[in-house]
Amino acid sequence: MTVLTADAGAAVRRRPGRPRDEDLDGQIVAATLDIIDAGDEVTVSRVVARSGVSRAALYRRWPSLTLLIAAALDVGREVPPEYPADADLHEILLAGLGLGADGVAPSAPGYSEERFRQRIRLVMADRALQRTYWESHVSRRRVPLQNALRVGMARGELRPDLDVEACFDAIAGVAYYQLVVRGDRVNDPAVVERMRAAIEVIWRGMVT
């Protein structure tokens, strides 16, 4: 992965001087996403050519190409809102996370299955990108459900010794296995039933 500065793993830092131009940020991310969607390798030259911004502008905004690609891969994704304290956890698992990847089905508006597969291809080929995408984006989307599980533990619905990280991994893994390993679509009725059955098994291990 091409590095724009020596500080490849750092967050984007604001520099003194003029305010950051959010329009240019959007141009750069959109251009990067276009390159990804086309199946081409993301390079600084391609991003500059497609976005119309200068190399200097790109360097000022993104300390590494890895961070830029991670931001582009996450376009169309959002951090889910916190669940109400009295939410039905069983229904949350069946209707939400268990029937999609990372809490959002790959067919959701703004995030097609094709983009999901491009993301898997890129992160599996580059461990640094995989870790960056996890730390900057994916891990944040887990928080609302993990908090809901902790609430369920506190109110005695779920076992007090649950490892919420492991529970989340098990639930999300149900959908990922269908998409990545089996090559199925999560909106196929047979696949939905298979995932529901798997989540029911996980649920029985979680309840008191």
N, C-alpha and C. Protein backbone atom coordinates (compact mmCIF):
# COMPACT_ATOMS: atom_id res chain seq x y z
N MET A 1 0.84 -1.18 0.00
CA MET A 1 0.00 0.00 0.00
C MET A 1 0.88 1.23 0.00
N THR A 2 0.63 2.17 -0.91
CA THR A 2 1.44 3.38 -1.01
C THR A 2 1.24 4.25 0.22
N VAL A 3 2.33 4.75 0.76
CA VAL A 3 2.28 5.61 1.94
C VAL A 3 2.52 7.04 1.52
N LEU A 4 1.67 7.97 1.98
CA LEU A 4 1.83 9.36 1.62
C LEU A 4 2.81 10.08 2.53
N THR A 5 2.87 9.64 3.80
CA THR A 5 3.87 10.19 4.71
C THR A 5 4.39 9.04 5.54
N ALA A 6 5.39 9.29 6.34
CA ALA A 6 5.95 8.24 7.18
C ALA A 6 4.98 7.82 8.26
N ASP A 7 4.01 8.70 8.62
CA ASP A 7 3.09 8.42 9.71
C ASP A 7 1.84 7.75 9.17
N ALA A 8 1.98 6.52 8.68
CA ALA A 8 0.90 5.86 7.96
C ALA A 8 -0.27 5.51 8.83
N GLY A 9 -0.06 5.24 10.10
CA GLY A 9 -1.15 4.79 10.94
C GLY A 9 -1.82 5.89 11.73
N ALA A 10 -1.42 7.12 11.57
CA ALA A 10 -1.97 8.20 12.37
C ALA A 10 -3.29 8.68 11.83
N ALA A 11 -4.08 9.28 12.68
CA ALA A 11 -5.32 9.90 12.24
C ALA A 11 -5.00 11.18 11.49
N VAL A 12 -5.96 11.61 10.65
CA VAL A 12 -5.75 12.83 9.89
C VAL A 12 -5.66 13.99 10.87
N ARG A 13 -4.60 14.80 10.76
CA ARG A 13 -4.38 15.89 11.70
C ARG A 13 -4.70 17.23 11.04
N ARG A 14 -5.38 18.09 11.79
CA ARG A 14 -5.64 19.44 11.31
C ARG A 14 -4.38 20.26 11.44
N ARG A 15 -4.03 21.00 10.40
CA ARG A 15 -2.87 21.87 10.43
C ARG A 15 -3.32 23.32 10.60
N PRO A 16 -2.48 24.18 11.15
CA PRO A 16 -2.85 25.58 11.30
C PRO A 16 -3.01 26.24 9.94
N GLY A 17 -3.80 27.31 9.90
CA GLY A 17 -3.98 28.03 8.64
C GLY A 17 -5.44 28.01 8.24
N ARG A 18 -5.71 27.94 6.94
CA ARG A 18 -7.08 28.01 6.45
C ARG A 18 -7.88 26.78 6.88
N PRO A 19 -9.21 26.95 7.09
CA PRO A 19 -10.05 25.80 7.46
C PRO A 19 -10.01 24.73 6.37
N ARG A 20 -10.19 23.51 6.77
CA ARG A 20 -10.19 22.39 5.83
C ARG A 20 -11.39 22.50 4.91
N ASP A 21 -11.21 22.27 3.63
CA ASP A 21 -12.25 22.35 2.62
C ASP A 21 -12.95 21.00 2.52
N GLU A 22 -14.17 20.92 3.09
CA GLU A 22 -14.89 19.64 3.10
C GLU A 22 -15.28 19.21 1.70
N ASP A 23 -15.47 20.17 0.77
CA ASP A 23 -15.80 19.81 -0.60
C ASP A 23 -14.67 19.04 -1.25
N LEU A 24 -13.42 19.48 -0.98
CA LEU A 24 -12.28 18.75 -1.53
C LEU A 24 -12.18 17.36 -0.92
N ASP A 25 -12.45 17.25 0.36
CA ASP A 25 -12.46 15.93 1.00
C ASP A 25 -13.43 15.01 0.28
N GLY A 26 -14.63 15.53 0.00
CA GLY A 26 -15.65 14.73 -0.68
C GLY A 26 -15.21 14.33 -2.07
N GLN A 27 -14.57 15.26 -2.79
CA GLN A 27 -14.07 14.94 -4.13
C GLN A 27 -13.06 13.81 -4.09
N ILE A 28 -12.16 13.87 -3.12
CA ILE A 28 -11.10 12.87 -3.03
C ILE A 28 -11.68 11.51 -2.68
N VAL A 29 -12.58 11.47 -1.71
CA VAL A 29 -13.18 10.19 -1.31
C VAL A 29 -14.02 9.62 -2.44
N ALA A 30 -14.80 10.47 -3.12
CA ALA A 30 -15.65 10.00 -4.22
C ALA A 30 -14.79 9.44 -5.36
N ALA A 31 -13.69 10.12 -5.66
CA ALA A 31 -12.79 9.64 -6.71
C ALA A 31 -12.19 8.29 -6.34
N THR A 32 -11.80 8.15 -5.09
CA THR A 32 -11.23 6.89 -4.61
C THR A 32 -12.25 5.77 -4.72
N LEU A 33 -13.50 6.07 -4.36
CA LEU A 33 -14.56 5.07 -4.43
C LEU A 33 -14.84 4.66 -5.87
N ASP A 34 -14.79 5.62 -6.78
CA ASP A 34 -14.97 5.31 -8.20
C ASP A 34 -13.91 4.32 -8.68
N ILE A 35 -12.68 4.55 -8.24
CA ILE A 35 -11.58 3.66 -8.64
C ILE A 35 -11.80 2.27 -8.07
N ILE A 36 -12.23 2.20 -6.81
CA ILE A 36 -12.50 0.91 -6.17
C ILE A 36 -13.63 0.19 -6.89
N ASP A 37 -14.72 0.90 -7.16
CA ASP A 37 -15.88 0.29 -7.82
C ASP A 37 -15.54 -0.21 -9.22
N ALA A 38 -14.56 0.44 -9.85
CA ALA A 38 -14.14 0.01 -11.19
C ALA A 38 -13.21 -1.19 -11.13
N GLY A 39 -12.80 -1.58 -9.93
CA GLY A 39 -11.90 -2.72 -9.77
C GLY A 39 -10.45 -2.40 -10.05
N ASP A 40 -10.10 -1.12 -10.08
CA ASP A 40 -8.72 -0.71 -10.35
C ASP A 40 -7.94 -0.54 -9.05
N GLU A 41 -6.63 -0.61 -9.14
CA GLU A 41 -5.79 -0.36 -7.98
C GLU A 41 -5.83 1.12 -7.64
N VAL A 42 -5.96 1.43 -6.37
CA VAL A 42 -5.98 2.82 -5.93
C VAL A 42 -4.54 3.31 -5.79
N THR A 43 -4.18 4.30 -6.59
CA THR A 43 -2.86 4.92 -6.51
C THR A 43 -3.04 6.42 -6.37
N VAL A 44 -2.01 7.09 -5.89
CA VAL A 44 -2.07 8.54 -5.75
C VAL A 44 -2.33 9.19 -7.10
N SER A 45 -1.66 8.73 -8.14
CA SER A 45 -1.84 9.33 -9.48
C SER A 45 -3.27 9.20 -9.96
N ARG A 46 -3.87 8.05 -9.74
CA ARG A 46 -5.26 7.84 -10.18
C ARG A 46 -6.22 8.72 -9.38
N VAL A 47 -6.00 8.83 -8.08
CA VAL A 47 -6.88 9.66 -7.25
C VAL A 47 -6.77 11.12 -7.68
N VAL A 48 -5.55 11.60 -7.91
CA VAL A 48 -5.34 12.98 -8.33
C VAL A 48 -6.02 13.23 -9.68
N ALA A 49 -5.84 12.31 -10.63
CA ALA A 49 -6.41 12.49 -11.96
C ALA A 49 -7.94 12.48 -11.93
N ARG A 50 -8.52 11.56 -11.15
CA ARG A 50 -9.97 11.43 -11.14
C ARG A 50 -10.65 12.52 -10.30
N SER A 51 -9.99 12.96 -9.23
CA SER A 51 -10.61 13.95 -8.35
C SER A 51 -10.40 15.38 -8.82
N GLY A 52 -9.32 15.60 -9.56
CA GLY A 52 -9.02 16.95 -10.00
C GLY A 52 -8.32 17.81 -8.96
N VAL A 53 -7.95 17.21 -7.83
CA VAL A 53 -7.22 17.97 -6.80
C VAL A 53 -5.73 17.77 -7.01
N SER A 54 -4.96 18.64 -6.41
CA SER A 54 -3.51 18.53 -6.55
C SER A 54 -2.96 17.47 -5.59
N ARG A 55 -1.76 17.02 -5.88
CA ARG A 55 -1.09 16.10 -4.96
C ARG A 55 -0.91 16.75 -3.59
N ALA A 56 -0.59 18.03 -3.59
CA ALA A 56 -0.38 18.74 -2.33
C ALA A 56 -1.66 18.71 -1.48
N ALA A 57 -2.81 18.92 -2.14
CA ALA A 57 -4.09 18.89 -1.41
C ALA A 57 -4.37 17.51 -0.86
N LEU A 58 -4.04 16.50 -1.65
CA LEU A 58 -4.24 15.13 -1.20
C LEU A 58 -3.34 14.83 0.00
N TYR A 59 -2.09 15.20 -0.08
CA TYR A 59 -1.14 14.95 1.00
C TYR A 59 -1.57 15.65 2.29
N ARG A 60 -2.12 16.87 2.16
CA ARG A 60 -2.52 17.62 3.35
C ARG A 60 -3.68 16.95 4.08
N ARG A 61 -4.52 16.24 3.34
CA ARG A 61 -5.74 15.70 3.93
C ARG A 61 -5.63 14.26 4.40
N TRP A 62 -4.76 13.50 3.79
CA TRP A 62 -4.69 12.07 4.11
C TRP A 62 -3.25 11.67 4.34
N PRO A 63 -2.88 11.37 5.60
CA PRO A 63 -1.50 10.99 5.88
C PRO A 63 -1.11 9.66 5.27
N SER A 64 -2.09 8.84 4.87
CA SER A 64 -1.74 7.60 4.18
C SER A 64 -2.85 7.22 3.22
N LEU A 65 -2.50 6.52 2.17
CA LEU A 65 -3.48 6.01 1.22
C LEU A 65 -4.37 4.97 1.89
N THR A 66 -3.84 4.29 2.88
CA THR A 66 -4.62 3.29 3.61
C THR A 66 -5.82 3.93 4.29
N LEU A 67 -5.63 5.06 4.96
CA LEU A 67 -6.73 5.77 5.61
C LEU A 67 -7.75 6.25 4.60
N LEU A 68 -7.29 6.72 3.46
CA LEU A 68 -8.19 7.21 2.43
C LEU A 68 -9.05 6.07 1.88
N ILE A 69 -8.44 4.94 1.59
CA ILE A 69 -9.19 3.79 1.08
C ILE A 69 -10.21 3.32 2.12
N ALA A 70 -9.81 3.30 3.38
CA ALA A 70 -10.74 2.89 4.44
C ALA A 70 -11.95 3.82 4.48
N ALA A 71 -11.72 5.12 4.34
CA ALA A 71 -12.83 6.07 4.34
C ALA A 71 -13.74 5.86 3.14
N ALA A 72 -13.15 5.58 1.98
CA ALA A 72 -13.95 5.35 0.78
C ALA A 72 -14.77 4.07 0.90
N LEU A 73 -14.17 3.03 1.46
CA LEU A 73 -14.87 1.76 1.62
C LEU A 73 -16.08 1.90 2.53
N ASP A 74 -16.08 2.90 3.39
CA ASP A 74 -17.17 3.03 4.36
C ASP A 74 -18.27 3.97 3.90
N VAL A 75 -18.15 4.53 2.71
CA VAL A 75 -19.20 5.40 2.19
C VAL A 75 -20.50 4.59 2.07
N GLY A 76 -21.58 5.12 2.60
CA GLY A 76 -22.86 4.41 2.58
C GLY A 76 -23.14 3.66 3.85
N ARG A 77 -22.18 3.61 4.76
CA ARG A 77 -22.36 2.93 6.04
C ARG A 77 -22.56 3.96 7.14
N GLU A 78 -23.30 3.60 8.17
CA GLU A 78 -23.53 4.49 9.30
C GLU A 78 -23.42 3.70 10.60
N VAL A 79 -23.06 4.40 11.66
CA VAL A 79 -23.08 3.79 12.99
C VAL A 79 -24.54 3.72 13.43
N PRO A 80 -25.05 2.54 13.77
CA PRO A 80 -26.45 2.43 14.19
C PRO A 80 -26.70 3.23 15.46
N PRO A 81 -27.93 3.70 15.66
CA PRO A 81 -28.25 4.40 16.90
C PRO A 81 -28.27 3.43 18.08
N GLU A 82 -28.16 3.96 19.28
CA GLU A 82 -28.26 3.12 20.47
C GLU A 82 -29.66 2.54 20.57
N TYR A 83 -29.75 1.31 21.06
CA TYR A 83 -31.05 0.67 21.23
C TYR A 83 -31.71 1.15 22.52
N PRO A 84 -33.06 1.22 22.54
CA PRO A 84 -33.74 1.58 23.80
C PRO A 84 -33.42 0.57 24.89
N ALA A 85 -33.47 1.02 26.14
CA ALA A 85 -33.12 0.14 27.26
C ALA A 85 -34.04 -1.06 27.37
N ASP A 86 -35.30 -0.90 26.89
CA ASP A 86 -36.25 -2.00 26.98
C ASP A 86 -36.39 -2.78 25.68
N ALA A 87 -35.41 -2.64 24.77
CA ALA A 87 -35.48 -3.32 23.47
C ALA A 87 -35.50 -4.83 23.64
N ASP A 88 -36.19 -5.50 22.73
CA ASP A 88 -36.25 -6.96 22.72
C ASP A 88 -34.98 -7.47 22.03
N LEU A 89 -34.05 -7.95 22.81
CA LEU A 89 -32.75 -8.36 22.26
C LEU A 89 -32.88 -9.51 21.28
N HIS A 90 -33.78 -10.42 21.54
CA HIS A 90 -33.98 -11.55 20.63
C HIS A 90 -34.40 -11.05 19.25
N GLU A 91 -35.33 -10.11 19.21
CA GLU A 91 -35.78 -9.57 17.93
C GLU A 91 -34.68 -8.74 17.24
N ILE A 92 -33.89 -8.04 18.05
CA ILE A 92 -32.78 -7.27 17.48
C ILE A 92 -31.84 -8.19 16.71
N LEU A 93 -31.51 -9.32 17.32
CA LEU A 93 -30.56 -10.23 16.69
C LEU A 93 -31.15 -10.85 15.43
N LEU A 94 -32.43 -11.21 15.46
CA LEU A 94 -33.04 -11.85 14.30
C LEU A 94 -33.28 -10.87 13.16
N ALA A 95 -33.72 -9.66 13.48
CA ALA A 95 -34.11 -8.71 12.45
C ALA A 95 -32.99 -7.80 12.00
N GLY A 96 -31.95 -7.68 12.80
CA GLY A 96 -30.90 -6.73 12.47
C GLY A 96 -29.60 -7.35 12.06
N LEU A 97 -28.67 -7.43 13.01
CA LEU A 97 -27.30 -7.85 12.70
C LEU A 97 -27.23 -9.23 12.07
N GLY A 98 -28.05 -10.15 12.52
CA GLY A 98 -27.93 -11.51 12.02
C GLY A 98 -28.29 -11.69 10.58
N LEU A 99 -29.01 -10.71 10.00
CA LEU A 99 -29.41 -10.85 8.61
C LEU A 99 -28.63 -9.91 7.69
N GLY A 100 -27.48 -9.48 8.11
CA GLY A 100 -26.65 -8.63 7.28
C GLY A 100 -25.22 -8.67 7.75
N ALA A 101 -24.36 -7.96 7.08
CA ALA A 101 -22.95 -7.92 7.46
C ALA A 101 -22.66 -6.60 8.15
N ASP A 102 -22.01 -6.63 9.31
CA ASP A 102 -21.68 -5.44 10.08
C ASP A 102 -22.91 -4.65 10.46
N GLY A 103 -24.05 -5.32 10.60
CA GLY A 103 -25.25 -4.63 11.03
C GLY A 103 -26.06 -4.05 9.90
N VAL A 104 -25.57 -4.09 8.67
CA VAL A 104 -26.31 -3.58 7.52
C VAL A 104 -26.24 -4.61 6.41
N ALA A 105 -27.39 -4.97 5.86
CA ALA A 105 -27.40 -5.94 4.77
C ALA A 105 -26.64 -5.37 3.58
N PRO A 106 -25.87 -6.20 2.85
CA PRO A 106 -25.10 -5.71 1.70
C PRO A 106 -25.95 -5.07 0.62
N SER A 107 -27.27 -5.36 0.62
CA SER A 107 -28.15 -4.78 -0.39
C SER A 107 -28.73 -3.44 0.05
N ALA A 108 -28.29 -2.93 1.22
CA ALA A 108 -28.83 -1.68 1.73
C ALA A 108 -28.51 -0.54 0.77
N PRO A 109 -29.40 0.49 0.72
CA PRO A 109 -29.15 1.63 -0.17
C PRO A 109 -27.79 2.25 0.10
N GLY A 110 -27.05 2.52 -0.96
CA GLY A 110 -25.75 3.15 -0.82
C GLY A 110 -24.61 2.19 -0.54
N TYR A 111 -24.94 0.90 -0.37
CA TYR A 111 -23.89 -0.07 -0.09
C TYR A 111 -24.28 -1.41 -0.71
N SER A 112 -23.92 -1.58 -1.96
CA SER A 112 -24.32 -2.76 -2.71
C SER A 112 -23.48 -3.97 -2.33
N GLU A 113 -23.97 -5.14 -2.72
CA GLU A 113 -23.20 -6.36 -2.48
C GLU A 113 -21.88 -6.32 -3.25
N GLU A 114 -21.90 -5.70 -4.43
CA GLU A 114 -20.67 -5.60 -5.22
C GLU A 114 -19.61 -4.80 -4.45
N ARG A 115 -20.04 -3.71 -3.80
CA ARG A 115 -19.08 -2.92 -3.02
C ARG A 115 -18.59 -3.72 -1.81
N PHE A 116 -19.49 -4.46 -1.20
CA PHE A 116 -19.10 -5.30 -0.07
C PHE A 116 -18.02 -6.29 -0.51
N ARG A 117 -18.20 -6.89 -1.68
CA ARG A 117 -17.22 -7.87 -2.16
C ARG A 117 -15.90 -7.20 -2.51
N GLN A 118 -15.94 -5.99 -3.05
CA GLN A 118 -14.71 -5.26 -3.31
C GLN A 118 -13.97 -4.97 -2.00
N ARG A 119 -14.74 -4.63 -0.98
CA ARG A 119 -14.14 -4.37 0.33
C ARG A 119 -13.43 -5.61 0.86
N ILE A 120 -14.10 -6.76 0.77
CA ILE A 120 -13.50 -8.00 1.25
C ILE A 120 -12.22 -8.30 0.47
N ARG A 121 -12.27 -8.10 -0.84
CA ARG A 121 -11.09 -8.37 -1.68
C ARG A 121 -9.93 -7.49 -1.25
N LEU A 122 -10.19 -6.22 -1.03
CA LEU A 122 -9.11 -5.29 -0.69
C LEU A 122 -8.54 -5.55 0.69
N VAL A 123 -9.40 -5.73 1.69
CA VAL A 123 -8.87 -5.88 3.04
C VAL A 123 -8.17 -7.22 3.24
N MET A 124 -8.62 -8.26 2.52
CA MET A 124 -7.95 -9.54 2.66
C MET A 124 -6.58 -9.54 2.00
N ALA A 125 -6.39 -8.64 1.05
CA ALA A 125 -5.10 -8.56 0.36
C ALA A 125 -4.11 -7.65 1.08
N ASP A 126 -4.59 -6.89 2.07
CA ASP A 126 -3.72 -5.91 2.72
C ASP A 126 -4.07 -5.86 4.20
N ARG A 127 -3.23 -6.45 5.03
CA ARG A 127 -3.52 -6.52 6.46
C ARG A 127 -3.54 -5.12 7.10
N ALA A 128 -2.70 -4.22 6.64
CA ALA A 128 -2.68 -2.87 7.20
C ALA A 128 -4.01 -2.17 6.93
N LEU A 129 -4.55 -2.33 5.72
CA LEU A 129 -5.85 -1.76 5.40
C LEU A 129 -6.94 -2.41 6.25
N GLN A 130 -6.84 -3.70 6.42
CA GLN A 130 -7.82 -4.44 7.23
C GLN A 130 -7.87 -3.89 8.65
N ARG A 131 -6.70 -3.70 9.27
CA ARG A 131 -6.65 -3.18 10.62
C ARG A 131 -7.14 -1.73 10.68
N THR A 132 -6.75 -0.93 9.70
CA THR A 132 -7.18 0.47 9.69
C THR A 132 -8.68 0.58 9.55
N TYR A 133 -9.26 -0.21 8.66
CA TYR A 133 -10.70 -0.18 8.44
C TYR A 133 -11.44 -0.64 9.69
N TRP A 134 -10.90 -1.65 10.34
CA TRP A 134 -11.49 -2.13 11.59
C TRP A 134 -11.47 -1.04 12.67
N GLU A 135 -10.30 -0.44 12.87
CA GLU A 135 -10.13 0.52 13.96
C GLU A 135 -10.88 1.83 13.71
N SER A 136 -10.93 2.28 12.45
CA SER A 136 -11.51 3.60 12.16
C SER A 136 -13.00 3.54 11.87
N HIS A 137 -13.52 2.37 11.49
CA HIS A 137 -14.92 2.32 11.06
C HIS A 137 -15.71 1.15 11.65
N VAL A 138 -15.29 -0.07 11.37
CA VAL A 138 -16.11 -1.23 11.74
C VAL A 138 -16.33 -1.33 13.24
N SER A 139 -15.29 -1.13 14.03
CA SER A 139 -15.42 -1.30 15.48
C SER A 139 -16.45 -0.35 16.07
N ARG A 140 -16.63 0.83 15.48
CA ARG A 140 -17.60 1.79 16.00
C ARG A 140 -19.04 1.30 15.79
N ARG A 141 -19.27 0.55 14.72
CA ARG A 141 -20.63 0.09 14.44
C ARG A 141 -21.07 -1.03 15.38
N ARG A 142 -20.13 -1.63 16.07
CA ARG A 142 -20.46 -2.70 17.00
C ARG A 142 -20.99 -2.19 18.34
N VAL A 143 -20.67 -0.95 18.67
CA VAL A 143 -20.90 -0.43 20.02
C VAL A 143 -22.38 -0.48 20.43
N PRO A 144 -23.34 -0.02 19.61
CA PRO A 144 -24.73 -0.04 20.06
C PRO A 144 -25.23 -1.43 20.45
N LEU A 145 -24.91 -2.44 19.65
CA LEU A 145 -25.39 -3.78 19.99
C LEU A 145 -24.66 -4.31 21.22
N GLN A 146 -23.37 -4.06 21.32
CA GLN A 146 -22.63 -4.51 22.49
C GLN A 146 -23.19 -3.85 23.76
N ASN A 147 -23.54 -2.58 23.66
CA ASN A 147 -24.15 -1.90 24.81
C ASN A 147 -25.50 -2.52 25.15
N ALA A 148 -26.28 -2.88 24.11
CA ALA A 148 -27.58 -3.51 24.35
C ALA A 148 -27.41 -4.86 25.05
N LEU A 149 -26.38 -5.60 24.65
CA LEU A 149 -26.12 -6.88 25.31
C LEU A 149 -25.74 -6.67 26.78
N ARG A 150 -24.98 -5.64 27.06
CA ARG A 150 -24.61 -5.35 28.45
C ARG A 150 -25.83 -4.97 29.28
N VAL A 151 -26.77 -4.24 28.65
CA VAL A 151 -28.01 -3.90 29.34
C VAL A 151 -28.79 -5.18 29.65
N GLY A 152 -28.81 -6.10 28.68
CA GLY A 152 -29.49 -7.38 28.90
C GLY A 152 -28.86 -8.17 30.03
N MET A 153 -27.56 -8.09 30.16
CA MET A 153 -26.87 -8.75 31.27
C MET A 153 -27.26 -8.10 32.60
N ALA A 154 -27.31 -6.75 32.60
CA ALA A 154 -27.60 -6.03 33.84
C ALA A 154 -29.02 -6.30 34.32
N ARG A 155 -29.96 -6.50 33.39
CA ARG A 155 -31.33 -6.73 33.81
C ARG A 155 -31.64 -8.22 34.00
N GLY A 156 -30.62 -9.05 33.89
CA GLY A 156 -30.77 -10.46 34.20
C GLY A 156 -31.32 -11.33 33.08
N GLU A 157 -31.47 -10.76 31.89
CA GLU A 157 -31.99 -11.54 30.76
C GLU A 157 -30.90 -12.42 30.15
N LEU A 158 -29.69 -11.90 30.14
CA LEU A 158 -28.56 -12.63 29.58
C LEU A 158 -27.61 -13.05 30.70
N ARG A 159 -26.84 -14.08 30.42
CA ARG A 159 -25.89 -14.59 31.41
C ARG A 159 -24.93 -13.49 31.86
N PRO A 160 -24.63 -13.43 33.15
CA PRO A 160 -23.75 -12.37 33.66
C PRO A 160 -22.30 -12.53 33.24
N ASP A 161 -21.93 -13.72 32.76
CA ASP A 161 -20.53 -13.97 32.40
C ASP A 161 -20.29 -13.87 30.89
N LEU A 162 -21.24 -13.29 30.16
CA LEU A 162 -21.08 -13.22 28.71
C LEU A 162 -19.88 -12.36 28.31
N ASP A 163 -19.20 -12.79 27.26
CA ASP A 163 -18.18 -11.99 26.60
C ASP A 163 -18.87 -11.34 25.41
N VAL A 164 -19.21 -10.04 25.51
CA VAL A 164 -20.01 -9.41 24.46
C VAL A 164 -19.26 -9.33 23.14
N GLU A 165 -17.93 -9.19 23.19
CA GLU A 165 -17.15 -9.17 21.96
C GLU A 165 -17.28 -10.51 21.23
N ALA A 166 -17.17 -11.60 21.98
CA ALA A 166 -17.27 -12.93 21.37
C ALA A 166 -18.68 -13.17 20.84
N CYS A 167 -19.69 -12.70 21.58
CA CYS A 167 -21.07 -12.85 21.12
C CYS A 167 -21.29 -12.12 19.80
N PHE A 168 -20.79 -10.90 19.72
CA PHE A 168 -20.94 -10.13 18.48
C PHE A 168 -20.26 -10.85 17.32
N ASP A 169 -19.04 -11.33 17.55
CA ASP A 169 -18.31 -12.04 16.50
C ASP A 169 -19.10 -13.25 16.01
N ALA A 170 -19.69 -14.00 16.95
CA ALA A 170 -20.44 -15.20 16.58
C ALA A 170 -21.65 -14.84 15.73
N ILE A 171 -22.37 -13.78 16.12
CA ILE A 171 -23.58 -13.39 15.40
C ILE A 171 -23.23 -12.86 14.02
N ALA A 172 -22.25 -11.94 13.95
CA ALA A 172 -21.84 -11.39 12.66
C ALA A 172 -21.28 -12.48 11.76
N GLY A 173 -20.60 -13.44 12.36
CA GLY A 173 -20.01 -14.52 11.57
C GLY A 173 -21.02 -15.34 10.83
N VAL A 174 -22.25 -15.39 11.34
CA VAL A 174 -23.31 -16.15 10.65
C VAL A 174 -23.52 -15.58 9.26
N ALA A 175 -23.65 -14.26 9.16
CA ALA A 175 -23.89 -13.63 7.86
C ALA A 175 -22.64 -13.68 6.99
N TYR A 176 -21.48 -13.40 7.59
CA TYR A 176 -20.25 -13.41 6.80
C TYR A 176 -19.99 -14.77 6.16
N TYR A 177 -20.29 -15.82 6.87
CA TYR A 177 -20.03 -17.16 6.32
C TYR A 177 -20.88 -17.39 5.08
N GLN A 178 -22.14 -16.95 5.12
CA GLN A 178 -23.00 -17.12 3.95
C GLN A 178 -22.46 -16.35 2.75
N LEU A 179 -22.04 -15.11 2.99
CA LEU A 179 -21.60 -14.23 1.91
C LEU A 179 -20.22 -14.57 1.38
N VAL A 180 -19.29 -14.79 2.30
CA VAL A 180 -17.89 -14.90 1.90
C VAL A 180 -17.49 -16.33 1.60
N VAL A 181 -17.98 -17.27 2.40
CA VAL A 181 -17.55 -18.66 2.23
C VAL A 181 -18.49 -19.42 1.30
N ARG A 182 -19.77 -19.36 1.57
CA ARG A 182 -20.74 -20.12 0.77
C ARG A 182 -21.09 -19.41 -0.53
N GLY A 183 -20.90 -18.09 -0.58
CA GLY A 183 -21.24 -17.35 -1.78
C GLY A 183 -22.73 -17.18 -1.97
N ASP A 184 -23.50 -17.21 -0.88
CA ASP A 184 -24.96 -17.07 -0.95
C ASP A 184 -25.35 -15.61 -0.78
N ARG A 185 -26.63 -15.33 -1.03
CA ARG A 185 -27.19 -14.00 -0.83
C ARG A 185 -28.06 -14.03 0.42
N VAL A 186 -27.94 -13.00 1.26
CA VAL A 186 -28.66 -13.03 2.53
C VAL A 186 -30.15 -12.79 2.38
N ASN A 187 -30.62 -12.40 1.17
CA ASN A 187 -32.05 -12.26 0.98
C ASN A 187 -32.70 -13.51 0.40
N ASP A 188 -31.92 -14.57 0.19
CA ASP A 188 -32.47 -15.84 -0.24
C ASP A 188 -33.23 -16.45 0.94
N PRO A 189 -34.49 -16.84 0.75
CA PRO A 189 -35.28 -17.37 1.88
C PRO A 189 -34.62 -18.53 2.61
N ALA A 190 -33.99 -19.43 1.86
CA ALA A 190 -33.34 -20.57 2.50
C ALA A 190 -32.16 -20.12 3.35
N VAL A 191 -31.43 -19.10 2.87
CA VAL A 191 -30.29 -18.57 3.62
C VAL A 191 -30.78 -17.85 4.87
N VAL A 192 -31.86 -17.10 4.74
CA VAL A 192 -32.43 -16.41 5.90
C VAL A 192 -32.80 -17.41 6.99
N GLU A 193 -33.43 -18.51 6.59
CA GLU A 193 -33.83 -19.52 7.57
C GLU A 193 -32.61 -20.17 8.22
N ARG A 194 -31.56 -20.40 7.44
CA ARG A 194 -30.34 -20.99 7.99
C ARG A 194 -29.71 -20.04 9.01
N MET A 195 -29.69 -18.74 8.69
CA MET A 195 -29.11 -17.77 9.62
C MET A 195 -29.96 -17.64 10.88
N ARG A 196 -31.26 -17.65 10.71
CA ARG A 196 -32.14 -17.60 11.88
C ARG A 196 -31.89 -18.81 12.80
N ALA A 197 -31.74 -19.97 12.20
CA ALA A 197 -31.49 -21.17 13.00
C ALA A 197 -30.17 -21.05 13.76
N ALA A 198 -29.15 -20.51 13.09
CA ALA A 198 -27.85 -20.35 13.74
C ALA A 198 -27.93 -19.34 14.88
N ILE A 199 -28.66 -18.24 14.66
CA ILE A 199 -28.77 -17.22 15.69
C ILE A 199 -29.57 -17.74 16.88
N GLU A 200 -30.55 -18.59 16.63
CA GLU A 200 -31.30 -19.19 17.73
C GLU A 200 -30.37 -20.03 18.61
N VAL A 201 -29.45 -20.75 17.99
CA VAL A 201 -28.49 -21.55 18.76
C VAL A 201 -27.63 -20.62 19.62
N ILE A 202 -27.14 -19.53 19.01
CA ILE A 202 -26.32 -18.56 19.76
C ILE A 202 -27.13 -17.95 20.89
N TRP A 203 -28.38 -17.59 20.61
CA TRP A 203 -29.24 -16.98 21.61
C TRP A 203 -29.42 -17.90 22.82
N ARG A 204 -29.65 -19.18 22.57
CA ARG A 204 -29.86 -20.12 23.68
C ARG A 204 -28.63 -20.20 24.57
N GLY A 205 -27.46 -19.98 24.00
CA GLY A 205 -26.26 -19.98 24.81
C GLY A 205 -26.03 -18.68 25.57
N MET A 206 -26.76 -17.62 25.19
CA MET A 206 -26.59 -16.32 25.81
C MET A 206 -27.55 -16.07 26.97
N VAL A 207 -28.75 -16.67 26.92
CA VAL A 207 -29.76 -16.35 27.92
C VAL A 207 -29.47 -17.07 29.23
N THR A 208 -30.03 -16.52 30.31
CA THR A 208 -29.84 -17.13 31.62
C THR A 208 -30.68 -18.40 31.72
